[in-house]
Amino acid sequence: MIVSLKVLIIEDSVSLRRSLKIGLTNLSFTVDDTGDGAEGVSMALTGDYSLLILDLMLPSVDGTSILKTIRKAQKDIRVLILSAKDLTVDKVEGLLCGADDYLTKPSINRN
């Protein structure tokens, strides 16, 4: 029996969210996604996900608040922060709030 891991993506960039979903689905992951923080925290708390890919700057509820809520609820989910916030202090805060890893989005320089 093959078990597909469930992934939740909470990312407000439609193009990035779509790309992540396509890539992970092609790798046989089951993927749910949303661009709204309030909907995302609800999905994370009620769903059975193995991984959450979480942006920090979201509409309605920010990613840090989502992460703190998930950890307080003791949900067994790995959290990967994927954020444009690239300062060391941001990374440290994310990890101290309970993220398992923190990746910064690549910046696009258009000169």
PDB file of N, CA and C in Angstrom:
ATOM      1  N   MET A   1       0.833  -1.171   0.000  1.00  0.00           N
ATOM      2  CA  MET A   1       0.000   0.000   0.000  1.00  0.00           C
ATOM      3  C   MET A   1       0.886   1.246   0.000  1.00  0.00           C
ATOM      4  N   ILE A   2       0.671   2.124  -0.955  1.00  0.00           N
ATOM      5  CA  ILE A   2       1.419   3.372  -1.052  1.00  0.00           C
ATOM      6  C   ILE A   2       0.609   4.461  -0.377  1.00  0.00           C
ATOM      7  N   VAL A   3       1.255   5.161   0.559  1.00  0.00           N
ATOM      8  CA  VAL A   3       0.595   6.246   1.266  1.00  0.00           C
ATOM      9  C   VAL A   3       1.137   7.566   0.726  1.00  0.00           C
ATOM     10  N   SER A   4       0.242   8.420   0.274  1.00  0.00           N
ATOM     11  CA  SER A   4       0.641   9.729  -0.211  1.00  0.00           C
ATOM     12  C   SER A   4       0.674  10.699   0.964  1.00  0.00           C
ATOM     13  N   LEU A   5       1.761  11.411   1.094  1.00  0.00           N
ATOM     14  CA  LEU A   5       1.858  12.406   2.154  1.00  0.00           C
ATOM     15  C   LEU A   5       1.036  13.629   1.787  1.00  0.00           C
ATOM     16  N   LYS A   6       0.348  14.185   2.781  1.00  0.00           N
ATOM     17  CA  LYS A   6      -0.474  15.372   2.557  1.00  0.00           C
ATOM     18  C   LYS A   6       0.310  16.628   2.923  1.00  0.00           C
ATOM     19  N   VAL A   7       0.261  17.581   2.026  1.00  0.00           N
ATOM     20  CA  VAL A   7       0.961  18.846   2.203  1.00  0.00           C
ATOM     21  C   VAL A   7      -0.063  19.979   2.140  1.00  0.00           C
ATOM     22  N   LEU A   8       0.104  20.939   3.033  1.00  0.00           N
ATOM     23  CA  LEU A   8      -0.699  22.157   3.005  1.00  0.00           C
ATOM     24  C   LEU A   8       0.225  23.325   2.671  1.00  0.00           C
ATOM     25  N   ILE A   9      -0.161  24.098   1.666  1.00  0.00           N
ATOM     26  CA  ILE A   9       0.590  25.295   1.287  1.00  0.00           C
ATOM     27  C   ILE A   9      -0.265  26.505   1.638  1.00  0.00           C
ATOM     28  N   ILE A  10       0.289  27.383   2.477  1.00  0.00           N
ATOM     29  CA  ILE A  10      -0.369  28.652   2.791  1.00  0.00           C
ATOM     30  C   ILE A  10       0.543  29.752   2.262  1.00  0.00           C
ATOM     31  N   GLU A  11       0.176  30.276   1.111  1.00  0.00           N
ATOM     32  CA  GLU A  11       1.004  31.230   0.371  1.00  0.00           C
ATOM     33  C   GLU A  11       0.085  32.154  -0.411  1.00  0.00           C
ATOM     34  N   ASP A  12       0.257  33.470  -0.274  1.00  0.00           N
ATOM     35  CA  ASP A  12      -0.652  34.388  -0.950  1.00  0.00           C
ATOM     36  C   ASP A  12      -0.279  34.689  -2.394  1.00  0.00           C
ATOM     37  N   SER A  13       0.912  34.340  -2.822  1.00  0.00           N
ATOM     38  CA  SER A  13       1.290  34.515  -4.226  1.00  0.00           C
ATOM     39  C   SER A  13       0.675  33.373  -5.037  1.00  0.00           C
ATOM     40  N   VAL A  14      -0.265  33.728  -5.896  1.00  0.00           N
ATOM     41  CA  VAL A  14      -0.966  32.706  -6.682  1.00  0.00           C
ATOM     42  C   VAL A  14       0.003  31.912  -7.550  1.00  0.00           C
ATOM     43  N   SER A  15       0.925  32.588  -8.220  1.00  0.00           N
ATOM     44  CA  SER A  15       1.847  31.890  -9.124  1.00  0.00           C
ATOM     45  C   SER A  15       2.784  30.956  -8.360  1.00  0.00           C
ATOM     46  N   LEU A  16       3.313  31.399  -7.233  1.00  0.00           N
ATOM     47  CA  LEU A  16       4.192  30.535  -6.446  1.00  0.00           C
ATOM     48  C   LEU A  16       3.414  29.356  -5.870  1.00  0.00           C
ATOM     49  N   ARG A  17       2.223  29.625  -5.356  1.00  0.00           N
ATOM     50  CA  ARG A  17       1.398  28.555  -4.792  1.00  0.00           C
ATOM     51  C   ARG A  17       1.070  27.516  -5.861  1.00  0.00           C
ATOM     52  N   ARG A  18       0.707  27.964  -7.042  1.00  0.00           N
ATOM     53  CA  ARG A  18       0.392  27.056  -8.150  1.00  0.00           C
ATOM     54  C   ARG A  18       1.612  26.230  -8.544  1.00  0.00           C
ATOM     55  N   SER A  19       2.780  26.863  -8.631  1.00  0.00           N
ATOM     56  CA  SER A  19       4.008  26.144  -8.996  1.00  0.00           C
ATOM     57  C   SER A  19       4.362  25.081  -7.968  1.00  0.00           C
ATOM     58  N   LEU A  20       4.275  25.447  -6.694  1.00  0.00           N
ATOM     59  CA  LEU A  20       4.559  24.472  -5.640  1.00  0.00           C
ATOM     60  C   LEU A  20       3.580  23.306  -5.694  1.00  0.00           C
ATOM     61  N   LYS A  21       2.321  23.619  -5.893  1.00  0.00           N
ATOM     62  CA  LYS A  21       1.295  22.572  -5.933  1.00  0.00           C
ATOM     63  C   LYS A  21       1.531  21.621  -7.107  1.00  0.00           C
ATOM     64  N   ILE A  22       1.817  22.157  -8.271  1.00  0.00           N
ATOM     65  CA  ILE A  22       2.072  21.318  -9.438  1.00  0.00           C
ATOM     66  C   ILE A  22       3.293  20.435  -9.212  1.00  0.00           C
ATOM     67  N   GLY A  23       4.376  21.037  -8.729  1.00  0.00           N
ATOM     68  CA  GLY A  23       5.599  20.275  -8.498  1.00  0.00           C
ATOM     69  C   GLY A  23       5.411  19.154  -7.487  1.00  0.00           C
ATOM     70  N   LEU A  24       4.762  19.461  -6.370  1.00  0.00           N
ATOM     71  CA  LEU A  24       4.556  18.449  -5.332  1.00  0.00           C
ATOM     72  C   LEU A  24       3.562  17.375  -5.771  1.00  0.00           C
ATOM     73  N   THR A  25       2.530  17.772  -6.507  1.00  0.00           N
ATOM     74  CA  THR A  25       1.570  16.802  -7.022  1.00  0.00           C
ATOM     75  C   THR A  25       2.248  15.846  -8.003  1.00  0.00           C
ATOM     76  N   ASN A  26       3.141  16.381  -8.838  1.00  0.00           N
ATOM     77  CA  ASN A  26       3.891  15.540  -9.765  1.00  0.00           C
ATOM     78  C   ASN A  26       4.816  14.560  -9.051  1.00  0.00           C
ATOM     79  N   LEU A  27       5.154  14.864  -7.818  1.00  0.00           N
ATOM     80  CA  LEU A  27       5.975  13.963  -6.999  1.00  0.00           C
ATOM     81  C   LEU A  27       5.110  13.039  -6.141  1.00  0.00           C
ATOM     82  N   SER A  28       3.824  13.006  -6.434  1.00  0.00           N
ATOM     83  CA  SER A  28       2.844  12.115  -5.784  1.00  0.00           C
ATOM     84  C   SER A  28       2.419  12.548  -4.386  1.00  0.00           C
ATOM     85  N   PHE A  29       2.608  13.818  -4.051  1.00  0.00           N
ATOM     86  CA  PHE A  29       2.072  14.339  -2.800  1.00  0.00           C
ATOM     87  C   PHE A  29       0.617  14.743  -3.021  1.00  0.00           C
ATOM     88  N   THR A  30      -0.191  14.636  -1.995  1.00  0.00           N
ATOM     89  CA  THR A  30      -1.536  15.193  -2.013  1.00  0.00           C
ATOM     90  C   THR A  30      -1.416  16.604  -1.454  1.00  0.00           C
ATOM     91  N   VAL A  31      -1.893  17.598  -2.191  1.00  0.00           N
ATOM     92  CA  VAL A  31      -1.645  18.988  -1.827  1.00  0.00           C
ATOM     93  C   VAL A  31      -2.956  19.766  -1.716  1.00  0.00           C
ATOM     94  N   ASP A  32      -3.132  20.444  -0.586  1.00  0.00           N
ATOM     95  CA  ASP A  32      -4.185  21.431  -0.403  1.00  0.00           C
ATOM     96  C   ASP A  32      -3.496  22.785  -0.306  1.00  0.00           C
ATOM     97  N   ASP A  33      -4.195  23.834  -0.698  1.00  0.00           N
ATOM     98  CA  ASP A  33      -3.553  25.143  -0.652  1.00  0.00           C
ATOM     99  C   ASP A  33      -4.576  26.248  -0.430  1.00  0.00           C
ATOM    100  N   THR A  34      -4.074  27.353   0.087  1.00  0.00           N
ATOM    101  CA  THR A  34      -4.872  28.561   0.261  1.00  0.00           C
ATOM    102  C   THR A  34      -3.933  29.763   0.277  1.00  0.00           C
ATOM    103  N   GLY A  35      -4.505  30.918  -0.045  1.00  0.00           N
ATOM    104  CA  GLY A  35      -3.749  32.162   0.001  1.00  0.00           C
ATOM    105  C   GLY A  35      -4.143  33.049   1.160  1.00  0.00           C
ATOM    106  N   ASP A  36      -5.022  32.536   2.025  1.00  0.00           N
ATOM    107  CA  ASP A  36      -5.541  33.332   3.134  1.00  0.00           C
ATOM    108  C   ASP A  36      -5.126  32.726   4.473  1.00  0.00           C
ATOM    109  N   GLY A  37      -4.619  33.561   5.362  1.00  0.00           N
ATOM    110  CA  GLY A  37      -4.145  33.087   6.663  1.00  0.00           C
ATOM    111  C   GLY A  37      -5.220  32.475   7.534  1.00  0.00           C
ATOM    112  N   ALA A  38      -6.402  33.090   7.585  1.00  0.00           N
ATOM    113  CA  ALA A  38      -7.480  32.560   8.431  1.00  0.00           C
ATOM    114  C   ALA A  38      -7.941  31.194   7.936  1.00  0.00           C
ATOM    115  N   GLU A  39      -8.104  31.067   6.637  1.00  0.00           N
ATOM    116  CA  GLU A  39      -8.484  29.771   6.077  1.00  0.00           C
ATOM    117  C   GLU A  39      -7.373  28.749   6.303  1.00  0.00           C
ATOM    118  N   GLY A  40      -6.138  29.191   6.157  1.00  0.00           N
ATOM    119  CA  GLY A  40      -4.993  28.299   6.331  1.00  0.00           C
ATOM    120  C   GLY A  40      -4.875  27.737   7.727  1.00  0.00           C
ATOM    121  N   VAL A  41      -5.050  28.578   8.743  1.00  0.00           N
ATOM    122  CA  VAL A  41      -4.942  28.074  10.119  1.00  0.00           C
ATOM    123  C   VAL A  41      -6.069  27.090  10.401  1.00  0.00           C
ATOM    124  N   SER A  42      -7.245  27.349   9.869  1.00  0.00           N
ATOM    125  CA  SER A  42      -8.366  26.423  10.038  1.00  0.00           C
ATOM    126  C   SER A  42      -8.057  25.074   9.379  1.00  0.00           C
ATOM    127  N   MET A  43      -7.530  25.114   8.175  1.00  0.00           N
ATOM    128  CA  MET A  43      -7.175  23.884   7.469  1.00  0.00           C
ATOM    129  C   MET A  43      -6.096  23.109   8.225  1.00  0.00           C
ATOM    130  N   ALA A  44      -5.080  23.838   8.711  1.00  0.00           N
ATOM    131  CA  ALA A  44      -3.981  23.190   9.421  1.00  0.00           C
ATOM    132  C   ALA A  44      -4.444  22.514  10.704  1.00  0.00           C
ATOM    133  N   LEU A  45      -5.380  23.151  11.401  1.00  0.00           N
ATOM    134  CA  LEU A  45      -5.851  22.603  12.671  1.00  0.00           C
ATOM    135  C   LEU A  45      -6.816  21.434  12.490  1.00  0.00           C
ATOM    136  N   THR A  46      -7.539  21.400  11.392  1.00  0.00           N
ATOM    137  CA  THR A  46      -8.541  20.349  11.199  1.00  0.00           C
ATOM    138  C   THR A  46      -8.081  19.239  10.261  1.00  0.00           C
ATOM    139  N   GLY A  47      -7.069  19.511   9.454  1.00  0.00           N
ATOM    140  CA  GLY A  47      -6.594  18.510   8.498  1.00  0.00           C
ATOM    141  C   GLY A  47      -5.511  17.628   9.078  1.00  0.00           C
ATOM    142  N   ASP A  48      -5.188  16.588   8.336  1.00  0.00           N
ATOM    143  CA  ASP A  48      -4.147  15.647   8.739  1.00  0.00           C
ATOM    144  C   ASP A  48      -2.983  15.769   7.756  1.00  0.00           C
ATOM    145  N   TYR A  49      -2.136  16.761   7.982  1.00  0.00           N
ATOM    146  CA  TYR A  49      -1.044  17.067   7.070  1.00  0.00           C
ATOM    147  C   TYR A  49       0.293  16.619   7.646  1.00  0.00           C
ATOM    148  N   SER A  50       1.178  16.182   6.750  1.00  0.00           N
ATOM    149  CA  SER A  50       2.540  15.821   7.149  1.00  0.00           C
ATOM    150  C   SER A  50       3.470  17.026   7.083  1.00  0.00           C
ATOM    151  N   LEU A  51       3.154  17.960   6.186  1.00  0.00           N
ATOM    152  CA  LEU A  51       4.008  19.118   5.962  1.00  0.00           C
ATOM    153  C   LEU A  51       3.167  20.347   5.690  1.00  0.00           C
ATOM    154  N   LEU A  52       3.593  21.457   6.253  1.00  0.00           N
ATOM    155  CA  LEU A  52       3.003  22.769   5.979  1.00  0.00           C
ATOM    156  C   LEU A  52       4.097  23.659   5.406  1.00  0.00           C
ATOM    157  N   ILE A  53       3.853  24.190   4.217  1.00  0.00           N
ATOM    158  CA  ILE A  53       4.741  25.198   3.636  1.00  0.00           C
ATOM    159  C   ILE A  53       4.052  26.533   3.893  1.00  0.00           C
ATOM    160  N   LEU A  54       4.709  27.380   4.668  1.00  0.00           N
ATOM    161  CA  LEU A  54       4.064  28.554   5.242  1.00  0.00           C
ATOM    162  C   LEU A  54       4.779  29.854   4.898  1.00  0.00           C
ATOM    163  N   ASP A  55       4.038  30.759   4.281  1.00  0.00           N
ATOM    164  CA  ASP A  55       4.516  32.123   4.068  1.00  0.00           C
ATOM    165  C   ASP A  55       4.267  32.900   5.358  1.00  0.00           C
ATOM    166  N   LEU A  56       5.022  33.946   5.603  1.00  0.00           N
ATOM    167  CA  LEU A  56       4.827  34.740   6.821  1.00  0.00           C
ATOM    168  C   LEU A  56       3.911  35.935   6.608  1.00  0.00           C
ATOM    169  N   MET A  57       3.998  36.557   5.438  1.00  0.00           N
ATOM    170  CA  MET A  57       3.205  37.767   5.178  1.00  0.00           C
ATOM    171  C   MET A  57       1.948  37.375   4.405  1.00  0.00           C
ATOM    172  N   LEU A  58       0.867  37.177   5.155  1.00  0.00           N
ATOM    173  CA  LEU A  58      -0.394  36.692   4.602  1.00  0.00           C
ATOM    174  C   LEU A  58      -1.532  37.630   4.952  1.00  0.00           C
ATOM    175  N   PRO A  59      -2.595  37.630   4.138  1.00  0.00           N
ATOM    176  CA  PRO A  59      -3.785  38.392   4.518  1.00  0.00           C
ATOM    177  C   PRO A  59      -4.537  37.729   5.669  1.00  0.00           C
ATOM    178  N   SER A  60      -5.142  38.499   6.488  1.00  0.00           N
ATOM    179  CA  SER A  60      -6.019  38.155   7.622  1.00  0.00           C
ATOM    180  C   SER A  60      -5.300  37.613   8.850  1.00  0.00           C
ATOM    181  N   VAL A  61      -4.433  36.623   8.712  1.00  0.00           N
ATOM    182  CA  VAL A  61      -3.647  36.102   9.839  1.00  0.00           C
ATOM    183  C   VAL A  61      -2.232  35.861   9.326  1.00  0.00           C
ATOM    184  N   ASP A  62      -1.245  36.431  10.018  1.00  0.00           N
ATOM    185  CA  ASP A  62       0.138  36.284   9.555  1.00  0.00           C
ATOM    186  C   ASP A  62       0.681  34.885   9.860  1.00  0.00           C
ATOM    187  N   GLY A  63       1.720  34.509   9.136  1.00  0.00           N
ATOM    188  CA  GLY A  63       2.308  33.177   9.268  1.00  0.00           C
ATOM    189  C   GLY A  63       2.851  32.859  10.651  1.00  0.00           C
ATOM    190  N   THR A  64       3.434  33.841  11.326  1.00  0.00           N
ATOM    191  CA  THR A  64       3.959  33.602  12.669  1.00  0.00           C
ATOM    192  C   THR A  64       2.831  33.240  13.626  1.00  0.00           C
ATOM    193  N   SER A  65       1.721  33.920  13.526  1.00  0.00           N
ATOM    194  CA  SER A  65       0.559  33.596  14.373  1.00  0.00           C
ATOM    195  C   SER A  65       0.019  32.211  14.057  1.00  0.00           C
ATOM    196  N   ILE A  66      -0.008  31.847  12.785  1.00  0.00           N
ATOM    197  CA  ILE A  66      -0.446  30.507  12.386  1.00  0.00           C
ATOM    198  C   ILE A  66       0.466  29.461  13.008  1.00  0.00           C
ATOM    199  N   LEU A  67       1.764  29.680  12.897  1.00  0.00           N
ATOM    200  CA  LEU A  67       2.741  28.731  13.447  1.00  0.00           C
ATOM    201  C   LEU A  67       2.569  28.575  14.956  1.00  0.00           C
ATOM    202  N   LYS A  68       2.435  29.679  15.664  1.00  0.00           N
ATOM    203  CA  LYS A  68       2.252  29.612  17.115  1.00  0.00           C
ATOM    204  C   LYS A  68       0.974  28.870  17.483  1.00  0.00           C
ATOM    205  N   THR A  69      -0.104  29.095  16.732  1.00  0.00           N
ATOM    206  CA  THR A  69      -1.374  28.415  16.992  1.00  0.00           C
ATOM    207  C   THR A  69      -1.244  26.909  16.773  1.00  0.00           C
ATOM    208  N   ILE A  70      -0.576  26.521  15.708  1.00  0.00           N
ATOM    209  CA  ILE A  70      -0.386  25.096  15.409  1.00  0.00           C
ATOM    210  C   ILE A  70       0.445  24.424  16.490  1.00  0.00           C
ATOM    211  N   ARG A  71       1.503  25.080  16.913  1.00  0.00           N
ATOM    212  CA  ARG A  71       2.368  24.485  17.949  1.00  0.00           C
ATOM    213  C   ARG A  71       1.644  24.430  19.290  1.00  0.00           C
ATOM    214  N   LYS A  72       0.862  25.446  19.610  1.00  0.00           N
ATOM    215  CA  LYS A  72       0.106  25.437  20.856  1.00  0.00           C
ATOM    216  C   LYS A  72      -0.918  24.306  20.864  1.00  0.00           C
ATOM    217  N   ALA A  73      -1.485  24.007  19.700  1.00  0.00           N
ATOM    218  CA  ALA A  73      -2.461  22.920  19.577  1.00  0.00           C
ATOM    219  C   ALA A  73      -1.780  21.548  19.509  1.00  0.00           C
ATOM    220  N   GLN A  74      -0.459  21.544  19.506  1.00  0.00           N
ATOM    221  CA  GLN A  74       0.349  20.320  19.473  1.00  0.00           C
ATOM    222  C   GLN A  74       0.058  19.447  18.259  1.00  0.00           C
ATOM    223  N   LYS A  75      -0.176  20.100  17.112  1.00  0.00           N
ATOM    224  CA  LYS A  75      -0.367  19.369  15.862  1.00  0.00           C
ATOM    225  C   LYS A  75       0.968  18.773  15.431  1.00  0.00           C
ATOM    226  N   ASP A  76       0.948  17.503  15.050  1.00  0.00           N
ATOM    227  CA  ASP A  76       2.155  16.820  14.597  1.00  0.00           C
ATOM    228  C   ASP A  76       2.325  17.073  13.101  1.00  0.00           C
ATOM    229  N   ILE A  77       2.915  18.209  12.785  1.00  0.00           N
ATOM    230  CA  ILE A  77       3.109  18.613  11.402  1.00  0.00           C
ATOM    231  C   ILE A  77       4.459  19.307  11.280  1.00  0.00           C
ATOM    232  N   ARG A  78       5.193  18.957  10.255  1.00  0.00           N
ATOM    233  CA  ARG A  78       6.462  19.625   9.984  1.00  0.00           C
ATOM    234  C   ARG A  78       6.138  20.940   9.285  1.00  0.00           C
ATOM    235  N   VAL A  79       6.845  22.005   9.670  1.00  0.00           N
ATOM    236  CA  VAL A  79       6.569  23.326   9.101  1.00  0.00           C
ATOM    237  C   VAL A  79       7.832  23.877   8.455  1.00  0.00           C
ATOM    238  N   LEU A  80       7.697  24.216   7.177  1.00  0.00           N
ATOM    239  CA  LEU A  80       8.751  24.865   6.422  1.00  0.00           C
ATOM    240  C   LEU A  80       8.275  26.274   6.112  1.00  0.00           C
ATOM    241  N   ILE A  81       8.956  27.258   6.680  1.00  0.00           N
ATOM    242  CA  ILE A  81       8.641  28.654   6.350  1.00  0.00           C
ATOM    243  C   ILE A  81       9.332  28.970   5.031  1.00  0.00           C
ATOM    244  N   LEU A  82       8.558  29.546   4.110  1.00  0.00           N
ATOM    245  CA  LEU A  82       9.077  30.004   2.826  1.00  0.00           C
ATOM    246  C   LEU A  82       8.681  31.469   2.719  1.00  0.00           C
ATOM    247  N   SER A  83       9.650  32.357   2.928  1.00  0.00           N
ATOM    248  CA  SER A  83       9.315  33.772   3.087  1.00  0.00           C
ATOM    249  C   SER A  83      10.297  34.679   2.368  1.00  0.00           C
ATOM    250  N   ALA A  84       9.807  35.852   1.996  1.00  0.00           N
ATOM    251  CA  ALA A  84      10.671  36.889   1.445  1.00  0.00           C
ATOM    252  C   ALA A  84      11.455  37.590   2.547  1.00  0.00           C
ATOM    253  N   LYS A  85      11.042  37.398   3.795  1.00  0.00           N
ATOM    254  CA  LYS A  85      11.752  38.015   4.925  1.00  0.00           C
ATOM    255  C   LYS A  85      13.071  37.269   5.103  1.00  0.00           C
ATOM    256  N   ASP A  86      14.165  37.955   4.769  1.00  0.00           N
ATOM    257  CA  ASP A  86      15.448  37.266   4.710  1.00  0.00           C
ATOM    258  C   ASP A  86      16.477  37.699   5.759  1.00  0.00           C
ATOM    259  N   LEU A  87      16.048  38.491   6.732  1.00  0.00           N
ATOM    260  CA  LEU A  87      16.983  38.899   7.781  1.00  0.00           C
ATOM    261  C   LEU A  87      17.208  37.753   8.762  1.00  0.00           C
ATOM    262  N   THR A  88      18.381  37.710   9.345  1.00  0.00           N
ATOM    263  CA  THR A  88      18.702  36.668  10.313  1.00  0.00           C
ATOM    264  C   THR A  88      17.709  36.667  11.468  1.00  0.00           C
ATOM    265  N   VAL A  89      17.309  37.841  11.926  1.00  0.00           N
ATOM    266  CA  VAL A  89      16.360  37.937  13.033  1.00  0.00           C
ATOM    267  C   VAL A  89      15.021  37.286  12.666  1.00  0.00           C
ATOM    268  N   ASP A  90      14.598  37.406  11.408  1.00  0.00           N
ATOM    269  CA  ASP A  90      13.360  36.771  10.954  1.00  0.00           C
ATOM    270  C   ASP A  90      13.485  35.251  10.989  1.00  0.00           C
ATOM    271  N   LYS A  91      14.616  34.761  10.533  1.00  0.00           N
ATOM    272  CA  LYS A  91      14.858  33.316  10.513  1.00  0.00           C
ATOM    273  C   LYS A  91      14.898  32.757  11.929  1.00  0.00           C
ATOM    274  N   VAL A  92      15.597  33.443  12.818  1.00  0.00           N
ATOM    275  CA  VAL A  92      15.686  32.998  14.209  1.00  0.00           C
ATOM    276  C   VAL A  92      14.304  32.987  14.858  1.00  0.00           C
ATOM    277  N   GLU A  93      13.527  34.047  14.629  1.00  0.00           N
ATOM    278  CA  GLU A  93      12.178  34.107  15.204  1.00  0.00           C
ATOM    279  C   GLU A  93      11.316  32.950  14.693  1.00  0.00           C
ATOM    280  N   GLY A  94      11.385  32.690  13.393  1.00  0.00           N
ATOM    281  CA  GLY A  94      10.605  31.600  12.824  1.00  0.00           C
ATOM    282  C   GLY A  94      10.967  30.250  13.434  1.00  0.00           C
ATOM    283  N   LEU A  95      12.236  30.006  13.588  1.00  0.00           N
ATOM    284  CA  LEU A  95      12.681  28.735  14.166  1.00  0.00           C
ATOM    285  C   LEU A  95      12.322  28.650  15.646  1.00  0.00           C
ATOM    286  N   LEU A  96      12.455  29.762  16.375  1.00  0.00           N
ATOM    287  CA  LEU A  96      12.098  29.760  17.792  1.00  0.00           C
ATOM    288  C   LEU A  96      10.589  29.591  18.004  1.00  0.00           C
ATOM    289  N   CYS A  97       9.788  30.004  17.019  1.00  0.00           N
ATOM    290  CA  CYS A  97       8.335  29.837  17.117  1.00  0.00           C
ATOM    291  C   CYS A  97       7.901  28.410  16.791  1.00  0.00           C
ATOM    292  N   GLY A  98       8.838  27.590  16.300  1.00  0.00           N
ATOM    293  CA  GLY A  98       8.511  26.188  16.075  1.00  0.00           C
ATOM    294  C   GLY A  98       8.640  25.675  14.655  1.00  0.00           C
ATOM    295  N   ALA A  99       9.152  26.486  13.746  1.00  0.00           N
ATOM    296  CA  ALA A  99       9.358  25.992  12.378  1.00  0.00           C
ATOM    297  C   ALA A  99      10.467  24.946  12.375  1.00  0.00           C
ATOM    298  N   ASP A 100      10.352  23.994  11.484  1.00  0.00           N
ATOM    299  CA  ASP A 100      11.389  22.974  11.340  1.00  0.00           C
ATOM    300  C   ASP A 100      12.508  23.433  10.422  1.00  0.00           C
ATOM    301  N   ASP A 101      12.194  24.336   9.519  1.00  0.00           N
ATOM    302  CA  ASP A 101      13.208  24.909   8.642  1.00  0.00           C
ATOM    303  C   ASP A 101      12.686  26.234   8.096  1.00  0.00           C
ATOM    304  N   TYR A 102      13.590  27.030   7.554  1.00  0.00           N
ATOM    305  CA  TYR A 102      13.244  28.368   7.056  1.00  0.00           C
ATOM    306  C   TYR A 102      14.022  28.589   5.771  1.00  0.00           C
ATOM    307  N   LEU A 103      13.302  28.819   4.702  1.00  0.00           N
ATOM    308  CA  LEU A 103      13.929  29.133   3.422  1.00  0.00           C
ATOM    309  C   LEU A 103      13.448  30.492   2.960  1.00  0.00           C
ATOM    310  N   THR A 104      14.363  31.261   2.372  1.00  0.00           N
ATOM    311  CA  THR A 104      13.957  32.556   1.830  1.00  0.00           C
ATOM    312  C   THR A 104      13.652  32.393   0.344  1.00  0.00           C
ATOM    313  N   LYS A 105      12.657  33.155  -0.083  1.00  0.00           N
ATOM    314  CA  LYS A 105      12.301  33.158  -1.494  1.00  0.00           C
ATOM    315  C   LYS A 105      13.412  33.863  -2.258  1.00  0.00           C
ATOM    316  N   PRO A 106      13.717  33.385  -3.446  1.00  0.00           N
ATOM    317  CA  PRO A 106      14.748  34.073  -4.226  1.00  0.00           C
ATOM    318  C   PRO A 106      14.258  35.449  -4.637  1.00  0.00           C
ATOM    319  N   SER A 107      15.160  36.410  -4.603  1.00  0.00           N
ATOM    320  CA  SER A 107      14.787  37.749  -5.049  1.00  0.00           C
ATOM    321  C   SER A 107      15.040  37.840  -6.549  1.00  0.00           C
ATOM    322  N   ILE A 108      14.193  38.593  -7.205  1.00  0.00           N
ATOM    323  CA  ILE A 108      14.328  38.768  -8.643  1.00  0.00           C
ATOM    324  C   ILE A 108      14.734  40.208  -8.894  1.00  0.00           C
ATOM    325  N   ASN A 109      15.945  40.377  -9.393  1.00  0.00           N
ATOM    326  CA  ASN A 109      16.426  41.723  -9.703  1.00  0.00           C
ATOM    327  C   ASN A 109      16.141  42.015 -11.159  1.00  0.00           C
ATOM    328  N   ARG A 110      15.365  43.052 -11.383  1.00  0.00           N
ATOM    329  CA  ARG A 110      15.042  43.452 -12.765  1.00  0.00           C
ATOM    330  C   ARG A 110      15.657  44.799 -13.029  1.00  0.00           C
ATOM    331  N   ASN A 111      16.859  44.768 -13.571  1.00  0.00           N
ATOM    332  CA  ASN A 111      17.581  46.025 -13.858  1.00  0.00           C
ATOM    333  C   ASN A 111      17.330  46.490 -15.255  1.00  0.00           C
TER     334      ASN A 111
END
